[in-house]
């Protein structure tokens, strides 16, 4: 994947696409919630920004890796997938609590 992308996706574009994909992703990866946080959620993303995705799901590295790959292919840019859970890094958890927008 290139380090700069031609068309920046807006927060609303990404959320709309996640809403469209949500039922399928829920069935395939057993997620209960999916959303965005970071620069995209704050509307500060550039054309070269990655997409920070938060998911509520059971711990399963293989499913999370497959979800990441599927979302990267769908959006055409790097995606970071973070599993939200009670034992996660508290700084990151507070940031997600503040910024996350769910599909």
N, C-alpha and C. Protein backbone atom coordinates (compact mmCIF):
# COMPACT_ATOMS: atom_id res chain seq x y z
N UNK A 1 0.82 -1.18 0.00
CA UNK A 1 0.00 0.00 0.00
C UNK A 1 0.87 1.24 0.00
N UNK A 2 0.47 2.21 -0.74
CA UNK A 2 1.21 3.46 -0.84
C UNK A 2 1.11 4.25 0.45
N UNK A 3 2.12 5.10 0.70
CA UNK A 3 2.08 5.91 1.92
C UNK A 3 1.26 7.18 1.74
N UNK A 4 0.87 7.50 0.52
CA UNK A 4 -0.05 8.64 0.35
C UNK A 4 -1.19 8.19 -0.54
N UNK A 5 -2.38 8.65 -0.21
CA UNK A 5 -3.58 8.20 -0.89
C UNK A 5 -4.20 9.38 -1.62
N UNK A 6 -4.82 9.08 -2.75
CA UNK A 6 -5.35 10.13 -3.59
C UNK A 6 -6.61 10.75 -2.99
N UNK A 7 -7.55 9.94 -2.59
CA UNK A 7 -8.82 10.46 -2.10
C UNK A 7 -8.95 10.25 -0.60
N UNK A 8 -8.93 11.33 0.17
CA UNK A 8 -9.15 11.14 1.60
C UNK A 8 -10.60 10.75 1.85
N UNK A 9 -10.80 9.81 2.73
CA UNK A 9 -12.16 9.43 3.09
C UNK A 9 -12.57 10.26 4.29
N UNK A 10 -13.78 10.76 4.28
CA UNK A 10 -14.25 11.56 5.40
C UNK A 10 -14.79 10.65 6.51
N UNK A 11 -14.92 11.24 7.67
CA UNK A 11 -15.50 10.53 8.82
C UNK A 11 -16.86 9.96 8.43
N UNK A 12 -17.69 10.77 7.79
CA UNK A 12 -19.04 10.32 7.43
C UNK A 12 -19.01 9.20 6.39
N UNK A 13 -18.07 9.28 5.43
CA UNK A 13 -17.92 8.20 4.43
C UNK A 13 -17.60 6.88 5.12
N UNK A 14 -16.63 6.93 6.02
CA UNK A 14 -16.17 5.70 6.68
C UNK A 14 -17.27 5.13 7.55
N UNK A 15 -17.94 5.97 8.34
CA UNK A 15 -19.03 5.48 9.18
C UNK A 15 -20.16 4.89 8.34
N UNK A 16 -20.49 5.52 7.23
CA UNK A 16 -21.55 5.00 6.35
C UNK A 16 -21.16 3.63 5.80
N UNK A 17 -19.90 3.48 5.40
CA UNK A 17 -19.45 2.19 4.87
C UNK A 17 -19.43 1.13 5.97
N UNK A 18 -19.01 1.51 7.19
CA UNK A 18 -19.03 0.55 8.30
C UNK A 18 -20.45 0.13 8.63
N UNK A 19 -21.39 1.05 8.56
CA UNK A 19 -22.80 0.70 8.81
C UNK A 19 -23.30 -0.31 7.78
N UNK A 20 -22.89 -0.11 6.54
CA UNK A 20 -23.28 -1.03 5.47
C UNK A 20 -22.67 -2.42 5.69
N UNK A 21 -21.43 -2.46 6.16
CA UNK A 21 -20.71 -3.72 6.36
C UNK A 21 -21.01 -4.39 7.69
N UNK A 22 -21.61 -3.68 8.62
CA UNK A 22 -21.69 -4.14 10.01
C UNK A 22 -22.32 -5.53 10.16
N UNK A 23 -23.45 -5.79 9.54
CA UNK A 23 -24.12 -7.09 9.70
C UNK A 23 -23.22 -8.22 9.22
N UNK A 24 -22.61 -8.02 8.07
CA UNK A 24 -21.71 -9.04 7.52
C UNK A 24 -20.50 -9.25 8.42
N UNK A 25 -19.90 -8.16 8.90
CA UNK A 25 -18.73 -8.27 9.78
C UNK A 25 -19.11 -8.90 11.12
N UNK A 26 -20.30 -8.59 11.61
CA UNK A 26 -20.77 -9.18 12.87
C UNK A 26 -20.89 -10.69 12.72
N UNK A 27 -21.47 -11.14 11.63
CA UNK A 27 -21.60 -12.58 11.38
C UNK A 27 -20.24 -13.26 11.25
N UNK A 28 -19.36 -12.65 10.50
CA UNK A 28 -18.08 -13.28 10.20
C UNK A 28 -17.10 -13.24 11.38
N UNK A 29 -17.08 -12.14 12.12
CA UNK A 29 -16.05 -11.96 13.16
C UNK A 29 -16.61 -11.88 14.58
N UNK A 30 -17.91 -12.04 14.75
CA UNK A 30 -18.55 -12.03 16.06
C UNK A 30 -18.26 -10.74 16.83
N UNK A 31 -18.35 -9.61 16.14
CA UNK A 31 -18.17 -8.33 16.81
C UNK A 31 -19.54 -7.85 17.31
N UNK A 32 -19.54 -7.16 18.43
CA UNK A 32 -20.80 -6.59 18.91
C UNK A 32 -20.91 -5.11 18.56
N UNK A 33 -19.77 -4.43 18.43
CA UNK A 33 -19.76 -3.02 18.03
C UNK A 33 -18.51 -2.76 17.19
N UNK A 34 -18.63 -1.80 16.28
CA UNK A 34 -17.48 -1.36 15.49
C UNK A 34 -17.59 0.15 15.29
N UNK A 35 -16.46 0.81 15.40
CA UNK A 35 -16.46 2.26 15.25
C UNK A 35 -15.08 2.78 14.87
N UNK A 36 -14.97 4.09 14.85
CA UNK A 36 -13.71 4.75 14.51
C UNK A 36 -13.30 5.67 15.65
N UNK A 37 -12.00 5.91 15.75
CA UNK A 37 -11.48 6.90 16.68
C UNK A 37 -10.24 7.50 16.04
N UNK A 38 -9.56 8.38 16.73
CA UNK A 38 -8.35 8.98 16.18
C UNK A 38 -8.65 10.11 15.23
N UNK A 39 -7.69 10.37 14.34
CA UNK A 39 -7.79 11.54 13.46
C UNK A 39 -9.03 11.51 12.58
N UNK A 40 -9.44 10.34 12.14
CA UNK A 40 -10.63 10.25 11.29
C UNK A 40 -11.87 10.68 12.08
N UNK A 41 -12.01 10.18 13.30
CA UNK A 41 -13.18 10.53 14.12
C UNK A 41 -13.18 12.01 14.49
N UNK A 42 -11.99 12.59 14.63
CA UNK A 42 -11.89 14.01 14.99
C UNK A 42 -11.99 14.92 13.76
N UNK A 43 -12.14 14.32 12.58
CA UNK A 43 -12.17 15.07 11.31
C UNK A 43 -10.86 15.80 11.05
N UNK A 44 -9.74 15.20 11.46
CA UNK A 44 -8.42 15.78 11.24
C UNK A 44 -7.57 14.93 10.30
N UNK A 45 -8.16 13.91 9.70
CA UNK A 45 -7.40 12.99 8.85
C UNK A 45 -6.96 13.68 7.56
N UNK A 46 -5.80 13.26 7.08
CA UNK A 46 -5.30 13.71 5.79
C UNK A 46 -5.43 12.56 4.80
N UNK A 47 -5.07 12.80 3.57
CA UNK A 47 -5.13 11.75 2.55
C UNK A 47 -4.20 10.59 2.89
N UNK A 48 -3.18 10.82 3.71
CA UNK A 48 -2.22 9.77 4.06
C UNK A 48 -2.53 9.11 5.40
N UNK A 49 -3.61 9.50 6.06
CA UNK A 49 -3.94 8.95 7.38
C UNK A 49 -4.42 7.51 7.28
N UNK A 50 -4.07 6.74 8.32
CA UNK A 50 -4.66 5.41 8.44
C UNK A 50 -6.03 5.57 9.11
N UNK A 51 -6.74 4.47 9.24
CA UNK A 51 -8.06 4.49 9.88
C UNK A 51 -7.95 3.68 11.16
N UNK A 52 -8.26 4.31 12.29
CA UNK A 52 -8.25 3.63 13.58
C UNK A 52 -9.65 3.10 13.85
N UNK A 53 -9.75 1.78 13.96
CA UNK A 53 -11.03 1.10 14.16
C UNK A 53 -11.04 0.50 15.56
N UNK A 54 -12.15 0.66 16.27
CA UNK A 54 -12.34 0.01 17.56
C UNK A 54 -13.44 -1.03 17.40
N UNK A 55 -13.18 -2.22 17.95
CA UNK A 55 -14.18 -3.29 17.89
C UNK A 55 -14.40 -3.85 19.29
N UNK A 56 -15.62 -4.26 19.54
CA UNK A 56 -15.96 -4.99 20.76
C UNK A 56 -16.18 -6.43 20.30
N UNK A 57 -15.27 -7.31 20.71
CA UNK A 57 -15.33 -8.71 20.30
C UNK A 57 -14.55 -9.55 21.29
N UNK A 58 -14.74 -10.85 21.23
CA UNK A 58 -13.97 -11.76 22.07
C UNK A 58 -12.51 -11.76 21.59
N UNK A 59 -11.57 -12.08 22.50
CA UNK A 59 -10.17 -12.10 22.07
C UNK A 59 -9.93 -13.24 21.08
N UNK A 60 -9.55 -12.89 19.88
CA UNK A 60 -9.25 -13.86 18.83
C UNK A 60 -8.33 -13.16 17.83
N UNK A 61 -7.03 -13.41 17.97
CA UNK A 61 -6.05 -12.73 17.12
C UNK A 61 -6.24 -13.03 15.64
N UNK A 62 -6.59 -14.25 15.31
CA UNK A 62 -6.77 -14.61 13.91
C UNK A 62 -7.96 -13.85 13.31
N UNK A 63 -9.08 -13.82 14.02
CA UNK A 63 -10.24 -13.08 13.51
C UNK A 63 -9.92 -11.59 13.39
N UNK A 64 -9.21 -11.05 14.38
CA UNK A 64 -8.89 -9.62 14.32
C UNK A 64 -7.95 -9.33 13.16
N UNK A 65 -6.98 -10.22 12.90
CA UNK A 65 -6.07 -10.03 11.76
C UNK A 65 -6.83 -10.12 10.44
N UNK A 66 -7.76 -11.05 10.35
CA UNK A 66 -8.57 -11.17 9.12
C UNK A 66 -9.46 -9.95 8.93
N UNK A 67 -10.04 -9.45 10.02
CA UNK A 67 -10.86 -8.24 9.96
C UNK A 67 -10.02 -7.07 9.48
N UNK A 68 -8.82 -6.93 10.02
CA UNK A 68 -7.91 -5.85 9.61
C UNK A 68 -7.63 -5.93 8.11
N UNK A 69 -7.28 -7.12 7.63
CA UNK A 69 -6.98 -7.31 6.21
C UNK A 69 -8.19 -6.98 5.34
N UNK A 70 -9.36 -7.42 5.76
CA UNK A 70 -10.58 -7.14 4.98
C UNK A 70 -10.87 -5.65 4.92
N UNK A 71 -10.73 -4.96 6.05
CA UNK A 71 -11.00 -3.53 6.07
C UNK A 71 -9.96 -2.74 5.28
N UNK A 72 -8.70 -3.17 5.33
CA UNK A 72 -7.66 -2.51 4.53
C UNK A 72 -7.96 -2.66 3.05
N UNK A 73 -8.39 -3.84 2.65
CA UNK A 73 -8.74 -4.04 1.24
C UNK A 73 -9.96 -3.19 0.87
N UNK A 74 -10.94 -3.16 1.74
CA UNK A 74 -12.16 -2.40 1.46
C UNK A 74 -11.88 -0.90 1.33
N UNK A 75 -11.12 -0.34 2.29
CA UNK A 75 -10.88 1.10 2.31
C UNK A 75 -9.67 1.53 1.48
N UNK A 76 -8.80 0.59 1.10
CA UNK A 76 -7.65 0.92 0.27
C UNK A 76 -6.58 1.71 0.99
N UNK A 77 -6.46 1.51 2.28
CA UNK A 77 -5.45 2.22 3.10
C UNK A 77 -5.22 1.42 4.38
N UNK A 78 -4.13 1.72 5.08
CA UNK A 78 -3.86 1.00 6.33
C UNK A 78 -4.96 1.23 7.37
N UNK A 79 -5.24 0.18 8.11
CA UNK A 79 -6.24 0.21 9.17
C UNK A 79 -5.62 -0.38 10.43
N UNK A 80 -5.81 0.27 11.56
CA UNK A 80 -5.44 -0.30 12.85
C UNK A 80 -6.73 -0.74 13.53
N UNK A 81 -6.77 -2.00 13.96
CA UNK A 81 -7.95 -2.53 14.65
C UNK A 81 -7.58 -2.76 16.11
N UNK A 82 -8.29 -2.08 17.00
CA UNK A 82 -8.06 -2.17 18.43
C UNK A 82 -9.28 -2.83 19.07
N UNK A 83 -9.02 -3.88 19.85
CA UNK A 83 -10.12 -4.53 20.58
C UNK A 83 -10.34 -3.81 21.89
N UNK A 84 -11.55 -3.36 22.12
CA UNK A 84 -11.92 -2.65 23.34
C UNK A 84 -12.27 -3.69 24.40
N UNK A 85 -11.62 -3.59 25.56
CA UNK A 85 -11.92 -4.51 26.66
C UNK A 85 -11.46 -3.90 27.97
N UNK A 86 -11.96 -4.42 29.07
CA UNK A 86 -11.72 -3.81 30.38
C UNK A 86 -10.24 -3.75 30.76
N UNK A 87 -9.42 -4.69 30.32
CA UNK A 87 -8.02 -4.75 30.72
C UNK A 87 -7.06 -4.04 29.78
N UNK A 88 -7.58 -3.31 28.82
CA UNK A 88 -6.70 -2.66 27.85
C UNK A 88 -5.96 -1.48 28.48
N UNK A 89 -4.98 -0.97 27.78
CA UNK A 89 -4.24 0.22 28.22
C UNK A 89 -5.24 1.32 28.57
N UNK A 90 -5.14 1.83 29.79
CA UNK A 90 -6.13 2.80 30.27
C UNK A 90 -6.08 4.14 29.53
N UNK A 91 -4.89 4.56 29.12
CA UNK A 91 -4.77 5.79 28.33
C UNK A 91 -5.54 5.64 27.01
N UNK A 92 -5.30 4.52 26.33
CA UNK A 92 -5.98 4.27 25.05
C UNK A 92 -7.48 4.12 25.27
N UNK A 93 -7.86 3.44 26.34
CA UNK A 93 -9.28 3.25 26.64
C UNK A 93 -9.98 4.60 26.84
N UNK A 94 -9.37 5.50 27.61
CA UNK A 94 -9.97 6.83 27.82
C UNK A 94 -10.07 7.61 26.51
N UNK A 95 -9.03 7.48 25.69
CA UNK A 95 -9.04 8.16 24.39
C UNK A 95 -10.19 7.65 23.52
N UNK A 96 -10.35 6.34 23.48
CA UNK A 96 -11.45 5.75 22.71
C UNK A 96 -12.79 6.18 23.28
N UNK A 97 -12.91 6.17 24.61
CA UNK A 97 -14.16 6.60 25.25
C UNK A 97 -14.52 8.03 24.85
N UNK A 98 -13.51 8.87 24.72
CA UNK A 98 -13.72 10.28 24.36
C UNK A 98 -14.05 10.47 22.88
N UNK A 99 -13.37 9.73 22.02
CA UNK A 99 -13.41 10.01 20.58
C UNK A 99 -14.28 9.09 19.73
N UNK A 100 -14.53 7.88 20.20
CA UNK A 100 -15.13 6.86 19.32
C UNK A 100 -16.51 7.25 18.82
N UNK A 101 -16.71 6.98 17.55
CA UNK A 101 -18.01 7.10 16.90
C UNK A 101 -18.34 5.72 16.35
N UNK A 102 -19.47 5.18 16.75
CA UNK A 102 -19.81 3.80 16.38
C UNK A 102 -20.79 3.75 15.21
N UNK A 103 -20.62 2.71 14.41
CA UNK A 103 -21.49 2.49 13.24
C UNK A 103 -22.82 1.91 13.70
